[in-house]
Amino acid sequence: MRRRLVALLIPVVIATSGAFAATGAPSRIGVLNERAAAAAISRYRAQYGLGPVQVDTGLTRAAAYAARANAAAGSLSHDAGGSFQARMALTGLGRSLKAENLGAGTATFDQTLAMWQASSGHNANLLLPQARRIGIAHADAPGSSYGRFWALVVSQ
């Protein structure tokens, strides 16, 4: 079966604050080297004169929740598991700027990053000048047509 590549066409950027409580959704969280992902994003940002990002455990939990919720649904939506604004209101991180990129159907982070770079809205989130922290996660849903679902949460 040929995997389809998909990215949500309208990435979400929202000003909010709050706390995050992870709840489980039926899917598997795969092993991901978050530091390597942050380094790759930082290298990309440096090409545009922007500062690096580093992994934030709270944002990683938020990204894992979004990836699991989308994997459980078998489709991409910024409202999976609750609206983006409501989910971010649960993070407790107190940062005002948060953005989210979602993707599905790619096997590796490098493929996903390339997909986001090719999408103007997702690319804008990668290149947010104020961004300093990220959370990145993927969840596998073997029975879905996409197989793997990705979420990136970016914040100040």
C-alpha atoms as a PDB file:
ATOM      1  CA  MET A   1       0.000   0.000   0.000  1.00  0.00           C
ATOM      2  CA  ARG A   2       1.391   3.363  -0.981  1.00  0.00           C
ATOM      3  CA  ARG A   3       1.593   5.840   1.869  1.00  0.00           C
ATOM      4  CA  ARG A   4       0.089   9.223   1.334  1.00  0.00           C
ATOM      5  CA  LEU A   5       1.910  12.281   2.591  1.00  0.00           C
ATOM      6  CA  VAL A   6      -0.264  14.880   4.144  1.00  0.00           C
ATOM      7  CA  ALA A   7       0.167  18.046   6.127  1.00  0.00           C
ATOM      8  CA  LEU A   8      -2.605  20.117   7.565  1.00  0.00           C
ATOM      9  CA  LEU A   9      -2.726  23.081   5.204  1.00  0.00           C
ATOM     10  CA  ILE A  10      -3.509  25.686   7.798  1.00  0.00           C
ATOM     11  CA  PRO A  11      -1.056  25.440  10.680  1.00  0.00           C
ATOM     12  CA  VAL A  12      -2.187  26.978  13.906  1.00  0.00           C
ATOM     13  CA  VAL A  13      -0.499  29.884  15.650  1.00  0.00           C
ATOM     14  CA  ILE A  14      -2.212  31.111  18.779  1.00  0.00           C
ATOM     15  CA  ALA A  15      -1.500  33.359  21.712  1.00  0.00           C
ATOM     16  CA  THR A  16      -2.472  31.534  24.876  1.00  0.00           C
ATOM     17  CA  SER A  17      -1.228  30.174  28.177  1.00  0.00           C
ATOM     18  CA  GLY A  18      -2.187  27.416  30.593  1.00  0.00           C
ATOM     19  CA  ALA A  19      -1.482  23.812  31.697  1.00  0.00           C
ATOM     20  CA  PHE A  20      -1.415  20.395  30.002  1.00  0.00           C
ATOM     21  CA  ALA A  21      -2.672  17.052  31.240  1.00  0.00           C
ATOM     22  CA  ALA A  22      -1.766  14.106  29.035  1.00  0.00           C
ATOM     23  CA  THR A  23      -4.507  11.593  28.506  1.00  0.00           C
ATOM     24  CA  GLY A  24      -4.015   8.445  26.539  1.00  0.00           C
ATOM     25  CA  ALA A  25      -5.392   7.649  23.131  1.00  0.00           C
ATOM     26  CA  PRO A  26      -5.052   4.223  21.530  1.00  0.00           C
ATOM     27  CA  SER A  27      -1.824   4.376  19.519  1.00  0.00           C
ATOM     28  CA  ARG A  28       1.899   3.803  19.967  1.00  0.00           C
ATOM     29  CA  ILE A  29       4.348   6.607  20.619  1.00  0.00           C
ATOM     30  CA  GLY A  30       7.493   5.875  18.666  1.00  0.00           C
ATOM     31  CA  VAL A  31      11.049   6.535  19.759  1.00  0.00           C
ATOM     32  CA  LEU A  32      12.239   9.915  18.545  1.00  0.00           C
ATOM     33  CA  ASN A  33      15.470  11.754  19.231  1.00  0.00           C
ATOM     34  CA  GLU A  34      13.998  15.116  20.215  1.00  0.00           C
ATOM     35  CA  ARG A  35      17.408  16.755  20.624  1.00  0.00           C
ATOM     36  CA  ALA A  36      18.418  15.760  17.100  1.00  0.00           C
ATOM     37  CA  ALA A  37      15.112  17.157  15.822  1.00  0.00           C
ATOM     38  CA  ALA A  38      15.706  20.431  17.687  1.00  0.00           C
ATOM     39  CA  ALA A  39      19.235  20.591  16.255  1.00  0.00           C
ATOM     40  CA  ALA A  40      17.896  20.084  12.709  1.00  0.00           C
ATOM     41  CA  ILE A  41      15.280  22.801  13.202  1.00  0.00           C
ATOM     42  CA  SER A  42      17.941  25.087  14.712  1.00  0.00           C
ATOM     43  CA  ARG A  43      20.238  24.556  11.703  1.00  0.00           C
ATOM     44  CA  TYR A  44      17.351  25.423   9.396  1.00  0.00           C
ATOM     45  CA  ARG A  45      16.507  28.539  11.414  1.00  0.00           C
ATOM     46  CA  ALA A  46      20.177  29.625  11.373  1.00  0.00           C
ATOM     47  CA  GLN A  47      20.010  29.799   7.564  1.00  0.00           C
ATOM     48  CA  TYR A  48      17.519  32.641   8.085  1.00  0.00           C
ATOM     49  CA  GLY A  49      19.480  34.377  10.834  1.00  0.00           C
ATOM     50  CA  LEU A  50      17.224  33.043  13.594  1.00  0.00           C
ATOM     51  CA  GLY A  51      18.220  31.672  16.968  1.00  0.00           C
ATOM     52  CA  PRO A  52      18.186  28.017  17.976  1.00  0.00           C
ATOM     53  CA  VAL A  53      15.388  26.101  19.664  1.00  0.00           C
ATOM     54  CA  GLN A  54      15.661  23.578  22.447  1.00  0.00           C
ATOM     55  CA  VAL A  55      13.448  20.743  23.608  1.00  0.00           C
ATOM     56  CA  ASP A  56      10.919  21.549  26.318  1.00  0.00           C
ATOM     57  CA  THR A  57       9.426  18.580  28.180  1.00  0.00           C
ATOM     58  CA  GLY A  58       6.040  20.269  28.637  1.00  0.00           C
ATOM     59  CA  LEU A  59       5.783  21.044  24.932  1.00  0.00           C
ATOM     60  CA  THR A  60       6.898  17.490  24.158  1.00  0.00           C
ATOM     61  CA  ARG A  61       4.024  16.158  26.286  1.00  0.00           C
ATOM     62  CA  ALA A  62       1.637  18.462  24.401  1.00  0.00           C
ATOM     63  CA  ALA A  63       3.019  17.258  21.053  1.00  0.00           C
ATOM     64  CA  ALA A  64       2.740  13.611  22.142  1.00  0.00           C
ATOM     65  CA  TYR A  65      -0.883  14.159  23.118  1.00  0.00           C
ATOM     66  CA  ALA A  66      -1.654  15.742  19.733  1.00  0.00           C
ATOM     67  CA  ALA A  67       0.141  12.955  17.846  1.00  0.00           C
ATOM     68  CA  ARG A  68      -1.740  10.262  19.810  1.00  0.00           C
ATOM     69  CA  ALA A  69      -5.099  11.995  19.374  1.00  0.00           C
ATOM     70  CA  ASN A  70      -4.620  12.283  15.609  1.00  0.00           C
ATOM     71  CA  ALA A  71      -3.380   8.686  15.359  1.00  0.00           C
ATOM     72  CA  ALA A  72      -6.441   7.501  17.287  1.00  0.00           C
ATOM     73  CA  ALA A  73      -8.689   9.459  14.911  1.00  0.00           C
ATOM     74  CA  GLY A  74      -6.803   8.214  11.848  1.00  0.00           C
ATOM     75  CA  SER A  75      -6.820  11.726  10.383  1.00  0.00           C
ATOM     76  CA  LEU A  76      -5.264  15.145  10.963  1.00  0.00           C
ATOM     77  CA  SER A  77      -7.000  17.903  12.857  1.00  0.00           C
ATOM     78  CA  HIS A  78      -5.831  20.663  15.169  1.00  0.00           C
ATOM     79  CA  ASP A  79      -9.019  19.871  17.096  1.00  0.00           C
ATOM     80  CA  ALA A  80      -8.206  16.199  17.758  1.00  0.00           C
ATOM     81  CA  GLY A  81      -8.300  15.719  21.513  1.00  0.00           C
ATOM     82  CA  GLY A  82      -9.816  19.182  21.946  1.00  0.00           C
ATOM     83  CA  SER A  83      -9.191  22.472  20.217  1.00  0.00           C
ATOM     84  CA  PHE A  84      -5.588  23.634  19.953  1.00  0.00           C
ATOM     85  CA  GLN A  85      -6.414  26.584  22.191  1.00  0.00           C
ATOM     86  CA  ALA A  86      -8.007  24.326  24.832  1.00  0.00           C
ATOM     87  CA  ARG A  87      -5.110  21.846  24.721  1.00  0.00           C
ATOM     88  CA  MET A  88      -2.572  24.637  25.029  1.00  0.00           C
ATOM     89  CA  ALA A  89      -4.544  26.153  27.904  1.00  0.00           C
ATOM     90  CA  LEU A  90      -3.665  22.932  29.746  1.00  0.00           C
ATOM     91  CA  THR A  91       0.109  23.133  29.267  1.00  0.00           C
ATOM     92  CA  GLY A  92       0.819  25.324  32.300  1.00  0.00           C
ATOM     93  CA  LEU A  93       3.866  26.728  30.556  1.00  0.00           C
ATOM     94  CA  GLY A  94       2.772  30.354  30.762  1.00  0.00           C
ATOM     95  CA  ARG A  95       4.215  31.353  27.395  1.00  0.00           C
ATOM     96  CA  SER A  96       2.025  33.537  25.237  1.00  0.00           C
ATOM     97  CA  LEU A  97       2.993  32.331  21.755  1.00  0.00           C
ATOM     98  CA  LYS A  98       2.379  28.763  20.710  1.00  0.00           C
ATOM     99  CA  ALA A  99       2.220  27.247  17.233  1.00  0.00           C
ATOM    100  CA  GLU A 100       1.526  23.704  16.073  1.00  0.00           C
ATOM    101  CA  ASN A 101       2.500  21.763  12.969  1.00  0.00           C
ATOM    102  CA  LEU A 102       0.888  18.416  12.235  1.00  0.00           C
ATOM    103  CA  GLY A 103       1.805  15.864   9.615  1.00  0.00           C
ATOM    104  CA  ALA A 104       1.174  12.251   8.712  1.00  0.00           C
ATOM    105  CA  GLY A 105       2.380   9.579   6.350  1.00  0.00           C
ATOM    106  CA  THR A 106       6.103  10.230   6.662  1.00  0.00           C
ATOM    107  CA  ALA A 107       8.350   7.644   8.290  1.00  0.00           C
ATOM    108  CA  THR A 108      11.188   9.862   9.533  1.00  0.00           C
ATOM    109  CA  PHE A 109      11.606  13.256  11.129  1.00  0.00           C
ATOM    110  CA  ASP A 110      13.763  14.417   8.199  1.00  0.00           C
ATOM    111  CA  GLN A 111      10.945  13.609   5.759  1.00  0.00           C
ATOM    112  CA  THR A 112       8.454  15.401   7.992  1.00  0.00           C
ATOM    113  CA  LEU A 113      10.683  18.460   8.345  1.00  0.00           C
ATOM    114  CA  ALA A 114      11.070  18.633   4.554  1.00  0.00           C
ATOM    115  CA  MET A 115       7.276  18.434   4.178  1.00  0.00           C
ATOM    116  CA  TRP A 116       6.801  21.275   6.676  1.00  0.00           C
ATOM    117  CA  GLN A 117       9.489  23.378   4.977  1.00  0.00           C
ATOM    118  CA  ALA A 118       7.636  22.986   1.658  1.00  0.00           C
ATOM    119  CA  SER A 119       4.365  24.261   3.163  1.00  0.00           C
ATOM    120  CA  SER A 120       4.255  28.041   3.604  1.00  0.00           C
ATOM    121  CA  GLY A 121       2.192  27.986   6.802  1.00  0.00           C
ATOM    122  CA  HIS A 122       4.205  25.212   8.435  1.00  0.00           C
ATOM    123  CA  ASN A 123       7.435  26.843   7.341  1.00  0.00           C
ATOM    124  CA  ALA A 124       6.316  30.119   8.930  1.00  0.00           C
ATOM    125  CA  ASN A 125       5.894  28.255  12.232  1.00  0.00           C
ATOM    126  CA  LEU A 126       9.392  26.769  11.927  1.00  0.00           C
ATOM    127  CA  LEU A 127      10.742  30.274  11.341  1.00  0.00           C
ATOM    128  CA  LEU A 128       8.848  32.150  14.051  1.00  0.00           C
ATOM    129  CA  PRO A 129      11.417  34.715  15.215  1.00  0.00           C
ATOM    130  CA  GLN A 130      10.279  34.471  18.854  1.00  0.00           C
ATOM    131  CA  ALA A 131      10.484  30.661  18.986  1.00  0.00           C
ATOM    132  CA  ARG A 132      12.935  29.300  21.542  1.00  0.00           C
ATOM    133  CA  ARG A 133      11.420  25.965  22.617  1.00  0.00           C
ATOM    134  CA  ILE A 134       9.830  23.012  20.868  1.00  0.00           C
ATOM    135  CA  GLY A 135       8.107  19.758  21.608  1.00  0.00           C
ATOM    136  CA  ILE A 136       8.107  17.064  18.928  1.00  0.00           C
ATOM    137  CA  ALA A 137       6.491  13.634  18.908  1.00  0.00           C
ATOM    138  CA  HIS A 138       5.049  11.003  16.653  1.00  0.00           C
ATOM    139  CA  ALA A 139       2.514   8.259  17.201  1.00  0.00           C
ATOM    140  CA  ASP A 140       2.071   5.152  15.114  1.00  0.00           C
ATOM    141  CA  ALA A 141      -1.341   3.922  14.030  1.00  0.00           C
ATOM    142  CA  PRO A 142      -0.546   0.793  11.993  1.00  0.00           C
ATOM    143  CA  GLY A 143      -4.146   0.267  10.859  1.00  0.00           C
ATOM    144  CA  SER A 144      -4.541   3.775   9.458  1.00  0.00           C
ATOM    145  CA  SER A 145      -3.792   4.807   5.891  1.00  0.00           C
ATOM    146  CA  TYR A 146      -1.067   7.182   7.169  1.00  0.00           C
ATOM    147  CA  GLY A 147       0.716   4.899   9.614  1.00  0.00           C
ATOM    148  CA  ARG A 148       2.584   7.624  11.497  1.00  0.00           C
ATOM    149  CA  PHE A 149       1.313  10.950  12.816  1.00  0.00           C
ATOM    150  CA  TRP A 150       3.575  13.857  13.796  1.00  0.00           C
ATOM    151  CA  ALA A 151       3.107  16.921  15.982  1.00  0.00           C
ATOM    152  CA  LEU A 152       5.433  19.846  16.619  1.00  0.00           C
ATOM    153  CA  VAL A 153       4.591  22.518  19.181  1.00  0.00           C
ATOM    154  CA  VAL A 154       6.665  25.707  19.094  1.00  0.00           C
ATOM    155  CA  SER A 155       6.763  28.379  21.791  1.00  0.00           C
ATOM    156  CA  GLN A 156       8.767  31.292  23.160  1.00  0.00           C
END
